[in-house]
N, C-alpha and C. Protein backbone atom coordinates (compact mmCIF):
# COMPACT_ATOMS: atom_id res chain seq x y z
N MET A 1 -115.65 97.01 73.30
CA MET A 1 -116.64 97.52 72.50
C MET A 1 -116.51 97.50 71.50
N VAL A 2 -117.43 97.37 70.50
CA VAL A 2 -117.23 97.13 69.02
C VAL A 2 -117.81 98.60 68.85
N ASN A 3 -117.34 99.22 67.36
CA ASN A 3 -117.95 100.71 67.12
C ASN A 3 -118.25 100.21 65.70
N ASP A 4 -119.90 100.00 65.61
CA ASP A 4 -120.63 99.75 64.82
C ASP A 4 -120.92 100.45 63.62
N ASN A 5 -120.05 102.10 63.81
CA ASN A 5 -119.92 102.79 62.94
C ASN A 5 -118.60 103.09 61.87
N VAL A 6 -117.97 102.01 62.04
CA VAL A 6 -116.48 101.51 61.64
C VAL A 6 -116.61 101.00 60.34
N THR A 7 -116.55 101.62 59.03
CA THR A 7 -116.71 100.85 57.45
C THR A 7 -115.22 100.01 57.60
N THR A 8 -115.61 99.07 56.17
CA THR A 8 -114.72 98.21 55.98
C THR A 8 -113.69 98.75 55.60
N PRO A 9 -113.63 100.09 54.48
CA PRO A 9 -111.92 100.64 54.35
C PRO A 9 -111.63 100.82 55.59
N GLN A 10 -112.44 101.56 56.43
CA GLN A 10 -111.46 102.31 57.75
C GLN A 10 -110.71 101.04 58.67
N LEU A 11 -111.43 99.96 58.59
CA LEU A 11 -110.77 99.02 59.16
C LEU A 11 -109.74 98.02 58.74
N ARG A 12 -109.77 98.30 57.04
CA ARG A 12 -108.82 97.91 56.53
C ARG A 12 -107.45 98.87 56.77
N GLU A 13 -107.49 100.15 56.33
CA GLU A 13 -106.67 100.94 56.83
C GLU A 13 -105.98 100.69 58.21
N ALA A 14 -106.94 100.79 59.37
CA ALA A 14 -106.26 100.91 60.75
C ALA A 14 -105.79 99.34 60.88
N LEU A 15 -105.76 98.40 59.85
CA LEU A 15 -105.06 96.77 60.37
C LEU A 15 -103.79 97.37 59.14
N LYS A 16 -104.03 97.91 58.36
CA LYS A 16 -102.46 98.13 57.62
C LYS A 16 -101.06 97.87 58.36
N PRO A 17 -100.88 98.65 59.26
CA PRO A 17 -99.73 98.70 59.91
C PRO A 17 -99.46 97.40 60.56
N MET A 18 -100.38 96.88 61.56
CA MET A 18 -100.16 95.42 61.72
C MET A 18 -99.93 94.35 60.81
N GLU A 19 -100.77 94.63 59.20
CA GLU A 19 -100.05 93.63 58.58
C GLU A 19 -99.09 93.69 58.15
N ALA A 20 -98.12 94.88 58.10
CA ALA A 20 -97.08 95.50 57.53
C ALA A 20 -95.90 94.54 58.45
N GLU A 21 -96.27 94.60 60.25
CA GLU A 21 -95.85 94.02 60.84
C GLU A 21 -95.62 92.66 60.92
N THR A 22 -96.82 91.87 60.82
CA THR A 22 -96.97 90.60 60.79
C THR A 22 -96.22 90.11 59.60
N GLN A 23 -95.95 90.91 58.40
CA GLN A 23 -95.10 90.21 56.92
C GLN A 23 -93.69 90.61 57.54
N ASP A 24 -93.47 91.57 58.26
CA ASP A 24 -92.13 91.46 58.54
C ASP A 24 -91.68 90.42 59.61
N ILE A 25 -92.57 90.16 60.57
CA ILE A 25 -92.30 89.18 61.58
C ILE A 25 -91.86 87.86 60.62
N LEU A 26 -93.11 87.74 59.56
CA LEU A 26 -92.63 86.11 58.84
C LEU A 26 -91.43 86.11 57.98
N ASN A 27 -91.12 87.23 57.70
CA ASN A 27 -90.41 87.22 56.97
C ASN A 27 -89.09 87.11 57.14
N SER A 28 -88.96 87.39 58.81
CA SER A 28 -88.03 87.39 59.69
C SER A 28 -87.49 85.90 60.35
N THR A 29 -88.79 85.64 60.34
CA THR A 29 -88.44 84.02 60.68
C THR A 29 -88.53 83.04 59.62
N GLY A 30 -88.82 83.51 58.65
CA GLY A 30 -88.42 82.81 57.11
C GLY A 30 -86.94 82.74 57.12
N ARG A 31 -86.40 84.00 57.10
CA ARG A 31 -85.24 84.14 57.21
C ARG A 31 -84.10 83.40 58.41
N MET A 32 -84.76 83.40 59.55
CA MET A 32 -83.99 82.74 60.75
C MET A 32 -84.23 80.83 60.58
N LEU A 33 -85.24 80.70 59.56
CA LEU A 33 -85.44 79.05 59.86
C LEU A 33 -84.46 78.94 58.47
N SER A 34 -84.48 79.54 57.52
CA SER A 34 -83.90 79.17 56.13
C SER A 34 -82.16 79.01 56.57
N GLU A 35 -81.89 79.43 57.34
CA GLU A 35 -80.57 80.14 57.48
C GLU A 35 -80.28 78.76 58.95
N GLU A 36 -80.86 78.09 59.59
CA GLU A 36 -80.92 77.17 60.49
C GLU A 36 -80.86 76.06 59.88
N GLY A 37 -81.53 76.02 58.59
CA GLY A 37 -81.85 74.73 57.64
C GLY A 37 -80.64 74.59 56.81
N ARG A 38 -79.66 75.58 56.52
CA ARG A 38 -78.73 75.73 55.87
C ARG A 38 -77.53 75.27 56.33
N GLU A 39 -77.49 75.67 57.87
CA GLU A 39 -76.37 75.39 58.89
C GLU A 39 -76.69 74.36 59.14
N GLU A 40 -77.69 73.62 59.37
CA GLU A 40 -78.08 72.02 59.48
C GLU A 40 -78.09 71.08 58.39
N GLY A 41 -77.90 71.77 57.26
CA GLY A 41 -77.59 71.16 56.06
C GLY A 41 -75.81 70.78 56.03
N ARG A 42 -75.68 72.15 56.53
CA ARG A 42 -73.64 72.08 56.43
C ARG A 42 -73.13 71.27 57.42
N GLU A 43 -73.91 71.28 58.38
CA GLU A 43 -73.47 70.47 59.48
C GLU A 43 -73.70 68.53 59.10
N GLU A 44 -74.51 68.68 58.39
CA GLU A 44 -74.72 67.39 57.76
C GLU A 44 -73.43 66.34 56.94
N GLY A 45 -73.23 67.77 56.34
CA GLY A 45 -72.16 67.50 54.94
C GLY A 45 -70.92 67.37 55.68
N ARG A 46 -70.94 67.89 56.53
CA ARG A 46 -69.36 68.13 57.23
C ARG A 46 -69.47 66.88 57.54
N GLU A 47 -70.17 65.98 58.30
CA GLU A 47 -70.58 65.02 59.12
C GLU A 47 -70.24 63.70 58.24
N GLU A 48 -70.89 63.94 56.96
CA GLU A 48 -70.91 62.39 55.99
C GLU A 48 -69.38 62.85 55.15
N GLY A 49 -69.04 63.92 55.46
CA GLY A 49 -67.50 64.32 54.71
C GLY A 49 -66.55 63.57 55.88
N ARG A 50 -66.68 64.09 56.67
CA ARG A 50 -65.89 63.39 57.96
C ARG A 50 -65.92 61.82 57.84
N GLU A 51 -67.01 61.18 57.56
CA GLU A 51 -67.65 59.31 57.71
C GLU A 51 -66.98 58.76 56.67
N GLU A 52 -66.84 59.73 55.53
CA GLU A 52 -66.62 59.19 54.05
C GLU A 52 -64.81 59.02 54.11
N GLY A 53 -64.67 60.21 55.05
CA GLY A 53 -63.08 60.42 54.94
C GLY A 53 -62.48 59.01 55.82
N ARG A 54 -63.17 59.13 56.60
CA ARG A 54 -62.66 58.14 57.69
C ARG A 54 -62.43 56.38 56.94
N GLU A 55 -63.66 56.36 55.87
CA GLU A 55 -63.76 55.32 55.58
C GLU A 55 -62.71 54.74 54.75
N GLU A 56 -62.64 55.82 53.99
CA GLU A 56 -61.20 55.97 52.92
C GLU A 56 -59.88 55.68 53.59
N GLY A 57 -59.81 56.30 54.75
CA GLY A 57 -58.50 55.97 55.25
C GLY A 57 -58.82 54.35 56.00
N ARG A 58 -60.06 54.03 56.59
CA ARG A 58 -59.47 52.88 56.76
C ARG A 58 -59.05 51.97 55.81
N GLU A 59 -59.87 52.16 54.47
CA GLU A 59 -59.39 51.42 53.53
C GLU A 59 -58.43 51.33 53.19
N GLU A 60 -57.73 52.53 53.08
CA GLU A 60 -56.18 52.80 52.61
C GLU A 60 -55.10 51.86 53.39
N GLY A 61 -55.67 52.33 54.72
CA GLY A 61 -55.09 51.51 55.72
C GLY A 61 -54.76 49.72 55.84
N ARG A 62 -56.12 49.02 55.23
CA ARG A 62 -55.76 47.87 55.01
C ARG A 62 -55.32 47.44 53.48
N GLU A 63 -55.64 48.40 52.51
CA GLU A 63 -54.69 48.09 51.59
C GLU A 63 -52.87 48.05 51.61
N GLU A 64 -52.35 48.93 52.67
CA GLU A 64 -51.31 48.65 52.89
C GLU A 64 -50.60 47.86 53.45
N GLY A 65 -51.65 47.20 54.42
CA GLY A 65 -51.19 46.29 54.97
C GLY A 65 -50.88 45.11 54.08
N ARG A 66 -52.16 45.13 53.52
CA ARG A 66 -52.23 43.61 52.73
C ARG A 66 -50.97 44.01 51.93
N LYS A 67 -50.64 45.16 51.40
CA LYS A 67 -49.33 45.09 50.68
C LYS A 67 -48.33 44.91 50.94
N ALA A 68 -47.96 45.29 52.09
CA ALA A 68 -46.52 45.21 53.22
C ALA A 68 -46.58 43.44 53.45
N GLU A 69 -47.78 42.83 53.52
CA GLU A 69 -47.76 41.49 53.50
C GLU A 69 -47.21 40.76 52.81
N GLN A 70 -47.55 40.83 51.29
CA GLN A 70 -47.26 40.51 50.27
C GLN A 70 -45.80 40.85 49.91
N GLU A 71 -45.68 41.73 50.09
CA GLU A 71 -43.72 42.46 50.41
C GLU A 71 -43.04 41.35 51.40
N ARG A 72 -43.44 41.08 52.26
CA ARG A 72 -42.69 40.42 53.18
C ARG A 72 -43.08 39.13 53.13
N LEU A 73 -44.03 38.37 52.34
CA LEU A 73 -44.22 36.85 51.82
C LEU A 73 -42.81 36.60 50.60
N ALA A 74 -43.40 37.59 49.71
CA ALA A 74 -42.22 37.70 48.82
C ALA A 74 -40.52 37.63 49.26
N ALA A 75 -40.25 38.69 49.93
CA ALA A 75 -38.92 38.76 50.75
C ALA A 75 -38.68 37.08 51.10
N LYS A 76 -39.09 36.11 52.25
CA LYS A 76 -39.03 35.07 52.32
C LYS A 76 -39.22 34.07 51.39
N LEU A 77 -40.09 34.38 50.46
CA LEU A 77 -39.78 33.06 49.21
C LEU A 77 -38.48 33.98 48.16
N LEU A 78 -37.97 34.64 48.32
CA LEU A 78 -36.88 35.05 47.52
C LEU A 78 -35.55 34.93 48.45
N ALA A 79 -35.97 34.72 49.65
CA ALA A 79 -34.91 34.20 50.82
C ALA A 79 -34.57 32.84 50.23
N LYS A 80 -35.59 31.71 50.39
CA LYS A 80 -35.76 30.79 50.25
C LYS A 80 -35.09 30.14 48.92
N GLY A 81 -34.90 31.15 48.07
CA GLY A 81 -34.35 31.12 46.77
C GLY A 81 -35.58 30.47 45.48
N THR A 82 -36.70 30.80 45.95
CA THR A 82 -37.69 30.81 44.96
C THR A 82 -37.72 31.55 43.69
N PRO A 83 -37.66 31.44 42.64
CA PRO A 83 -37.91 32.20 41.34
C PRO A 83 -38.66 33.40 41.42
N PRO A 84 -38.24 34.72 41.17
CA PRO A 84 -38.59 35.94 41.14
C PRO A 84 -40.13 35.73 40.19
N ALA A 85 -40.36 34.78 39.31
CA ALA A 85 -41.45 34.69 38.70
C ALA A 85 -42.57 34.07 39.12
N GLN A 86 -42.19 32.86 39.69
CA GLN A 86 -43.09 32.09 40.63
C GLN A 86 -43.51 33.16 42.26
N VAL A 87 -42.48 34.06 42.69
CA VAL A 87 -43.06 34.59 43.45
C VAL A 87 -43.84 35.43 43.04
N ALA A 88 -43.83 36.16 42.37
CA ALA A 88 -44.82 36.71 41.41
C ALA A 88 -46.15 36.54 41.31
N GLU A 89 -46.00 35.12 41.03
CA GLU A 89 -47.40 34.42 40.51
C GLU A 89 -48.26 34.20 42.35
N LEU A 90 -47.35 33.89 43.11
CA LEU A 90 -47.74 33.51 44.50
C LEU A 90 -48.19 34.55 45.07
N THR A 91 -47.60 35.60 45.13
CA THR A 91 -47.83 36.72 45.70
C THR A 91 -48.67 37.98 45.09
N ASP A 92 -48.98 37.57 43.93
CA ASP A 92 -49.67 38.48 43.19
C ASP A 92 -49.32 39.86 43.03
N LEU A 93 -47.95 39.80 43.03
CA LEU A 93 -47.23 41.28 43.05
C LEU A 93 -46.67 41.15 41.26
N PRO A 94 -46.53 42.33 40.87
CA PRO A 94 -45.95 42.28 39.38
C PRO A 94 -44.43 42.12 39.62
N LEU A 95 -44.00 41.41 38.45
CA LEU A 95 -42.95 40.95 38.50
C LEU A 95 -41.60 41.78 38.45
N GLU A 96 -42.10 43.01 38.26
CA GLU A 96 -41.05 44.57 38.52
C GLU A 96 -40.94 44.67 39.79
N GLU A 97 -41.87 44.58 40.43
CA GLU A 97 -41.86 44.49 41.95
C GLU A 97 -41.02 43.52 42.91
N VAL A 98 -41.05 42.62 42.74
CA VAL A 98 -40.23 41.39 43.10
C VAL A 98 -39.51 41.62 42.93
N GLN A 99 -39.07 41.87 41.61
CA GLN A 99 -37.40 42.01 41.42
C GLN A 99 -36.68 43.14 42.03
N ARG A 100 -37.72 44.24 42.22
CA ARG A 100 -36.90 44.87 43.13
C ARG A 100 -36.20 44.34 44.63
N LEU A 101 -37.06 43.46 44.69
CA LEU A 101 -37.07 43.16 46.13
C LEU A 101 -35.76 42.35 46.30
N THR A 102 -35.06 41.98 45.31
CA THR A 102 -33.97 41.36 45.00
C THR A 102 -32.94 42.21 45.32
N HIS A 103 -32.80 43.51 45.13
CA HIS A 103 -31.66 44.13 45.19
C HIS A 103 -31.70 44.79 46.17
């Protein structure tokens, strides 16, 4: 039932508590959504970091494998009597490194 005798100022005054409560709900919801967004962003960042770390690890492993193979080949060439300078050229290893393999 509508009361036709209610004035606009009276209506505004009656709605003030609801307005404050609505604002509180909106603020609370905004804070929750903001925190969820931050947590989601942190999780995405952690996952990207883990993936980058895995890729760096794989690349380091491949590089170590290539280096070990170069050293293995250099040692075989040196054992066959190939001069260190030539071994360095053939294996792309620095001459100092090849010379260390001879000792």
